[in-house]
Amino acid sequence: MIKRIAMLGLMLFAFGCLSWAQNKSFTGTVSDEHCGAKHAKASAAAETCVEKCVSGGAKYVLVSHGKVYQVDDQDKFKGMGGKAVKVTGSLTDSTITVADVSPVGGK
């Protein structure tokens, strides 16, 4: 009986770990770590500012629903600064491990 309970507990733990690491979708605007939520809305001015900051050494971030998320794969965001995007990936603390990035709204 104890073995069955232990096995059930192990299976539930493993299932929880798998579901925790699943990819989720986030929509928002690509900003940079210096400006953060200042670029919560996509615009031409945001595009110029973000790309300038990134070329100066800042990292891309995602602003979604007022929260700023770090993103692990900076190369996937090149040319998307200041634009509305959909990011698919897994979240750990405030960092998204990015699987895919795509523009929102055909831009």
N, C-alpha and C. Protein backbone atom coordinates (compact mmCIF):
# COMPACT_ATOMS: atom_id res chain seq x y z
N MET A 1 0.82 -1.19 0.00
CA MET A 1 0.00 0.00 0.00
C MET A 1 0.87 1.26 0.00
N ILE A 2 1.91 1.26 0.80
CA ILE A 2 2.80 2.42 0.88
C ILE A 2 3.50 2.63 -0.46
N LYS A 3 3.87 1.52 -1.12
CA LYS A 3 4.52 1.63 -2.42
C LYS A 3 3.58 2.28 -3.44
N ARG A 4 2.31 1.91 -3.40
CA ARG A 4 1.34 2.49 -4.34
C ARG A 4 1.16 3.99 -4.10
N ILE A 5 1.09 4.37 -2.85
CA ILE A 5 0.94 5.80 -2.52
C ILE A 5 2.19 6.56 -2.96
N ALA A 6 3.36 5.98 -2.71
CA ALA A 6 4.60 6.62 -3.12
C ALA A 6 4.67 6.75 -4.64
N MET A 7 4.26 5.71 -5.34
CA MET A 7 4.28 5.73 -6.81
C MET A 7 3.30 6.78 -7.34
N LEU A 8 2.12 6.86 -6.74
CA LEU A 8 1.13 7.86 -7.14
C LEU A 8 1.68 9.28 -6.90
N GLY A 9 2.31 9.48 -5.77
CA GLY A 9 2.91 10.78 -5.47
C GLY A 9 3.99 11.14 -6.47
N LEU A 10 4.81 10.19 -6.84
CA LEU A 10 5.87 10.42 -7.82
C LEU A 10 5.30 10.76 -9.19
N MET A 11 4.24 10.05 -9.57
CA MET A 11 3.61 10.33 -10.87
C MET A 11 2.99 11.72 -10.88
N LEU A 12 2.33 12.12 -9.81
CA LEU A 12 1.74 13.45 -9.73
C LEU A 12 2.81 14.53 -9.77
N PHE A 13 3.93 14.30 -9.09
CA PHE A 13 5.04 15.24 -9.11
C PHE A 13 5.61 15.38 -10.52
N ALA A 14 5.81 14.27 -11.20
CA ALA A 14 6.35 14.30 -12.57
C ALA A 14 5.39 15.01 -13.51
N PHE A 15 4.11 14.76 -13.39
CA PHE A 15 3.11 15.43 -14.22
C PHE A 15 3.12 16.93 -13.96
N GLY A 16 3.24 17.32 -12.71
CA GLY A 16 3.30 18.74 -12.36
C GLY A 16 4.51 19.42 -12.95
N CYS A 17 5.65 18.74 -12.94
CA CYS A 17 6.87 19.31 -13.53
C CYS A 17 6.71 19.49 -15.03
N LEU A 18 6.11 18.53 -15.70
CA LEU A 18 5.92 18.63 -17.15
C LEU A 18 4.97 19.77 -17.50
N SER A 19 3.89 19.90 -16.77
CA SER A 19 2.93 20.96 -17.10
C SER A 19 3.49 22.32 -16.75
N TRP A 20 4.36 22.42 -15.76
CA TRP A 20 4.95 23.69 -15.36
C TRP A 20 5.87 24.22 -16.44
N ALA A 21 6.57 23.35 -17.14
CA ALA A 21 7.55 23.77 -18.14
C ALA A 21 6.95 23.94 -19.54
N GLN A 22 5.65 23.78 -19.69
CA GLN A 22 5.05 23.89 -21.01
C GLN A 22 5.11 25.32 -21.51
N ASN A 23 5.16 25.45 -22.84
CA ASN A 23 5.18 26.76 -23.46
C ASN A 23 3.85 27.47 -23.28
N LYS A 24 3.94 28.78 -23.12
CA LYS A 24 2.77 29.64 -23.02
C LYS A 24 2.94 30.75 -24.04
N SER A 25 1.86 31.44 -24.34
CA SER A 25 1.92 32.57 -25.28
C SER A 25 1.78 33.87 -24.51
N PHE A 26 2.59 34.84 -24.90
CA PHE A 26 2.56 36.18 -24.32
C PHE A 26 2.43 37.17 -25.47
N THR A 27 1.55 38.13 -25.36
CA THR A 27 1.49 39.20 -26.36
C THR A 27 1.89 40.49 -25.67
N GLY A 28 2.59 41.33 -26.42
CA GLY A 28 3.05 42.58 -25.85
C GLY A 28 3.90 43.33 -26.85
N THR A 29 4.69 44.25 -26.32
CA THR A 29 5.55 45.10 -27.14
C THR A 29 7.00 44.84 -26.77
N VAL A 30 7.86 44.79 -27.78
CA VAL A 30 9.29 44.61 -27.54
C VAL A 30 9.87 45.96 -27.15
N SER A 31 10.46 46.01 -25.97
CA SER A 31 11.13 47.22 -25.49
C SER A 31 12.58 46.87 -25.19
N ASP A 32 13.25 47.74 -24.46
CA ASP A 32 14.62 47.44 -24.04
C ASP A 32 14.69 47.59 -22.53
N GLU A 33 15.74 47.04 -21.94
CA GLU A 33 15.83 47.01 -20.49
C GLU A 33 15.98 48.40 -19.87
N HIS A 34 16.44 49.39 -20.61
CA HIS A 34 16.56 50.74 -20.07
C HIS A 34 15.21 51.44 -20.01
N CYS A 35 14.44 51.35 -21.06
CA CYS A 35 13.14 52.04 -21.14
C CYS A 35 12.01 51.21 -20.54
N GLY A 36 12.12 49.90 -20.61
CA GLY A 36 11.12 49.01 -20.02
C GLY A 36 9.71 49.33 -20.44
N ALA A 37 8.84 49.59 -19.46
CA ALA A 37 7.42 49.78 -19.71
C ALA A 37 7.08 51.11 -20.38
N LYS A 38 8.06 52.00 -20.58
CA LYS A 38 7.79 53.24 -21.32
C LYS A 38 7.30 52.93 -22.72
N HIS A 39 7.71 51.79 -23.25
CA HIS A 39 7.31 51.39 -24.59
C HIS A 39 6.26 50.27 -24.53
N ALA A 40 5.27 50.46 -23.69
CA ALA A 40 4.22 49.45 -23.55
C ALA A 40 3.32 49.40 -24.77
N LYS A 41 3.30 50.46 -25.56
CA LYS A 41 2.50 50.49 -26.80
C LYS A 41 3.43 50.60 -27.99
N ALA A 42 3.15 49.79 -29.00
CA ALA A 42 3.95 49.80 -30.22
C ALA A 42 3.77 51.13 -30.94
N SER A 43 4.89 51.68 -31.44
CA SER A 43 4.84 52.92 -32.21
C SER A 43 6.15 53.09 -32.97
N ALA A 44 6.13 53.98 -33.95
CA ALA A 44 7.35 54.27 -34.71
C ALA A 44 8.42 54.87 -33.80
N ALA A 45 8.00 55.74 -32.87
CA ALA A 45 8.95 56.35 -31.94
C ALA A 45 9.58 55.28 -31.05
N ALA A 46 8.77 54.31 -30.60
CA ALA A 46 9.29 53.22 -29.78
C ALA A 46 10.28 52.37 -30.57
N GLU A 47 9.97 52.11 -31.84
CA GLU A 47 10.89 51.33 -32.68
C GLU A 47 12.26 51.99 -32.74
N THR A 48 12.28 53.30 -33.00
CA THR A 48 13.54 54.03 -33.11
C THR A 48 14.31 54.01 -31.80
N CYS A 49 13.61 54.29 -30.71
CA CYS A 49 14.25 54.36 -29.39
C CYS A 49 14.81 53.00 -28.97
N VAL A 50 14.01 51.96 -29.10
CA VAL A 50 14.44 50.62 -28.66
C VAL A 50 15.65 50.16 -29.46
N GLU A 51 15.59 50.30 -30.77
CA GLU A 51 16.72 49.83 -31.59
C GLU A 51 17.98 50.64 -31.29
N LYS A 52 17.83 51.93 -30.98
CA LYS A 52 18.99 52.76 -30.62
C LYS A 52 19.59 52.27 -29.30
N CYS A 53 18.74 52.02 -28.32
CA CYS A 53 19.23 51.54 -27.02
C CYS A 53 19.90 50.18 -27.14
N VAL A 54 19.30 49.29 -27.94
CA VAL A 54 19.87 47.95 -28.11
C VAL A 54 21.21 48.03 -28.83
N SER A 55 21.31 48.90 -29.82
CA SER A 55 22.60 49.04 -30.53
C SER A 55 23.67 49.60 -29.59
N GLY A 56 23.23 50.28 -28.51
CA GLY A 56 24.15 50.80 -27.51
C GLY A 56 24.45 49.82 -26.39
N GLY A 57 23.91 48.60 -26.47
CA GLY A 57 24.24 47.57 -25.49
C GLY A 57 23.10 47.10 -24.61
N ALA A 58 21.94 47.75 -24.68
CA ALA A 58 20.80 47.30 -23.87
C ALA A 58 20.25 45.99 -24.43
N LYS A 59 19.50 45.27 -23.62
CA LYS A 59 18.89 44.02 -24.05
C LYS A 59 17.41 44.22 -24.30
N TYR A 60 16.88 43.42 -25.23
CA TYR A 60 15.44 43.43 -25.49
C TYR A 60 14.70 42.85 -24.29
N VAL A 61 13.49 43.35 -24.05
CA VAL A 61 12.57 42.80 -23.06
C VAL A 61 11.18 42.80 -23.69
N LEU A 62 10.27 42.08 -23.08
CA LEU A 62 8.88 42.08 -23.53
C LEU A 62 8.03 42.76 -22.46
N VAL A 63 7.21 43.73 -22.89
CA VAL A 63 6.26 44.38 -21.98
C VAL A 63 4.88 43.82 -22.31
N SER A 64 4.29 43.13 -21.34
CA SER A 64 2.99 42.50 -21.54
C SER A 64 2.11 42.76 -20.32
N HIS A 65 0.97 43.39 -20.53
CA HIS A 65 0.01 43.68 -19.45
C HIS A 65 0.69 44.40 -18.29
N GLY A 66 1.55 45.37 -18.60
CA GLY A 66 2.21 46.18 -17.58
C GLY A 66 3.40 45.53 -16.91
N LYS A 67 3.73 44.31 -17.25
CA LYS A 67 4.87 43.60 -16.66
C LYS A 67 6.00 43.51 -17.67
N VAL A 68 7.23 43.69 -17.18
CA VAL A 68 8.41 43.61 -18.04
C VAL A 68 9.06 42.24 -17.84
N TYR A 69 9.21 41.50 -18.93
CA TYR A 69 9.83 40.17 -18.90
C TYR A 69 11.18 40.21 -19.60
N GLN A 70 12.17 39.59 -19.00
CA GLN A 70 13.45 39.37 -19.68
C GLN A 70 13.23 38.27 -20.70
N VAL A 71 13.99 38.30 -21.79
CA VAL A 71 13.90 37.25 -22.81
C VAL A 71 15.28 36.66 -23.02
N ASP A 72 15.35 35.34 -23.15
CA ASP A 72 16.66 34.69 -23.19
C ASP A 72 17.36 34.73 -24.54
N ASP A 73 16.64 34.74 -25.62
CA ASP A 73 17.26 34.65 -26.95
C ASP A 73 17.12 35.99 -27.67
N GLN A 74 18.10 36.86 -27.45
CA GLN A 74 18.07 38.22 -28.00
C GLN A 74 18.02 38.24 -29.52
N ASP A 75 18.66 37.28 -30.17
CA ASP A 75 18.70 37.26 -31.65
C ASP A 75 17.31 37.15 -32.27
N LYS A 76 16.39 36.50 -31.59
CA LYS A 76 15.04 36.33 -32.14
C LYS A 76 14.27 37.65 -32.16
N PHE A 77 14.75 38.67 -31.48
CA PHE A 77 14.05 39.95 -31.39
C PHE A 77 14.65 41.04 -32.27
N LYS A 78 15.72 40.71 -32.98
CA LYS A 78 16.35 41.71 -33.85
C LYS A 78 15.34 42.25 -34.86
N GLY A 79 15.28 43.57 -34.96
CA GLY A 79 14.37 44.22 -35.89
C GLY A 79 12.93 44.31 -35.41
N MET A 80 12.65 43.84 -34.19
CA MET A 80 11.28 43.86 -33.67
C MET A 80 11.10 44.88 -32.56
N GLY A 81 12.11 45.67 -32.27
CA GLY A 81 12.01 46.68 -31.22
C GLY A 81 10.85 47.63 -31.45
N GLY A 82 10.07 47.88 -30.41
CA GLY A 82 8.95 48.80 -30.49
C GLY A 82 7.72 48.26 -31.19
N LYS A 83 7.75 46.99 -31.57
CA LYS A 83 6.63 46.39 -32.31
C LYS A 83 5.82 45.46 -31.41
N ALA A 84 4.56 45.27 -31.79
CA ALA A 84 3.68 44.33 -31.09
C ALA A 84 4.01 42.92 -31.56
N VAL A 85 4.19 42.00 -30.61
CA VAL A 85 4.57 40.63 -30.94
C VAL A 85 3.81 39.62 -30.09
N LYS A 86 3.85 38.39 -30.56
CA LYS A 86 3.39 37.23 -29.78
C LYS A 86 4.62 36.38 -29.54
N VAL A 87 4.91 36.11 -28.28
CA VAL A 87 6.06 35.31 -27.90
C VAL A 87 5.56 34.00 -27.31
N THR A 88 6.10 32.89 -27.78
CA THR A 88 5.78 31.59 -27.23
C THR A 88 7.02 31.08 -26.52
N GLY A 89 6.84 30.63 -25.28
CA GLY A 89 7.97 30.13 -24.52
C GLY A 89 7.54 29.77 -23.11
N SER A 90 8.51 29.36 -22.32
CA SER A 90 8.23 29.00 -20.93
C SER A 90 8.74 30.09 -20.00
N LEU A 91 8.02 30.32 -18.93
CA LEU A 91 8.33 31.39 -17.99
C LEU A 91 8.92 30.82 -16.72
N THR A 92 10.07 31.36 -16.32
CA THR A 92 10.69 31.05 -15.05
C THR A 92 11.00 32.37 -14.38
N ASP A 93 10.41 32.61 -13.23
CA ASP A 93 10.50 33.90 -12.54
C ASP A 93 10.01 34.98 -13.50
N SER A 94 10.88 35.89 -13.93
CA SER A 94 10.45 36.94 -14.86
C SER A 94 11.19 36.83 -16.20
N THR A 95 11.70 35.63 -16.50
CA THR A 95 12.42 35.41 -17.75
C THR A 95 11.68 34.40 -18.61
N ILE A 96 11.50 34.77 -19.89
CA ILE A 96 10.86 33.86 -20.85
C ILE A 96 11.95 33.15 -21.65
N THR A 97 11.92 31.82 -21.64
CA THR A 97 12.77 31.03 -22.51
C THR A 97 12.01 30.93 -23.82
N VAL A 98 12.49 31.64 -24.83
CA VAL A 98 11.73 31.88 -26.05
C VAL A 98 11.84 30.72 -27.03
N ALA A 99 10.68 30.24 -27.48
CA ALA A 99 10.62 29.23 -28.54
C ALA A 99 10.35 29.89 -29.88
N ASP A 100 9.49 30.94 -29.88
CA ASP A 100 9.12 31.60 -31.14
C ASP A 100 8.66 33.03 -30.86
N VAL A 101 8.92 33.92 -31.83
CA VAL A 101 8.45 35.30 -31.79
C VAL A 101 7.83 35.61 -33.14
N SER A 102 6.63 36.19 -33.14
CA SER A 102 6.01 36.58 -34.40
C SER A 102 5.30 37.92 -34.22
N PRO A 103 5.28 38.73 -35.29
CA PRO A 103 4.60 40.03 -35.22
C PRO A 103 3.09 39.84 -35.05
N VAL A 104 2.47 40.78 -34.38
CA VAL A 104 1.03 40.79 -34.19
C VAL A 104 0.45 41.88 -35.09
N GLY A 105 -0.65 41.60 -35.73
CA GLY A 105 -1.31 42.61 -36.54
C GLY A 105 -0.70 42.82 -37.90
N GLY A 106 0.07 41.86 -38.38
CA GLY A 106 0.63 41.94 -39.73
C GLY A 106 1.75 42.93 -39.91
N LYS A 107 2.31 43.45 -38.81
CA LYS A 107 3.41 44.41 -38.93
C LYS A 107 4.74 43.71 -38.83
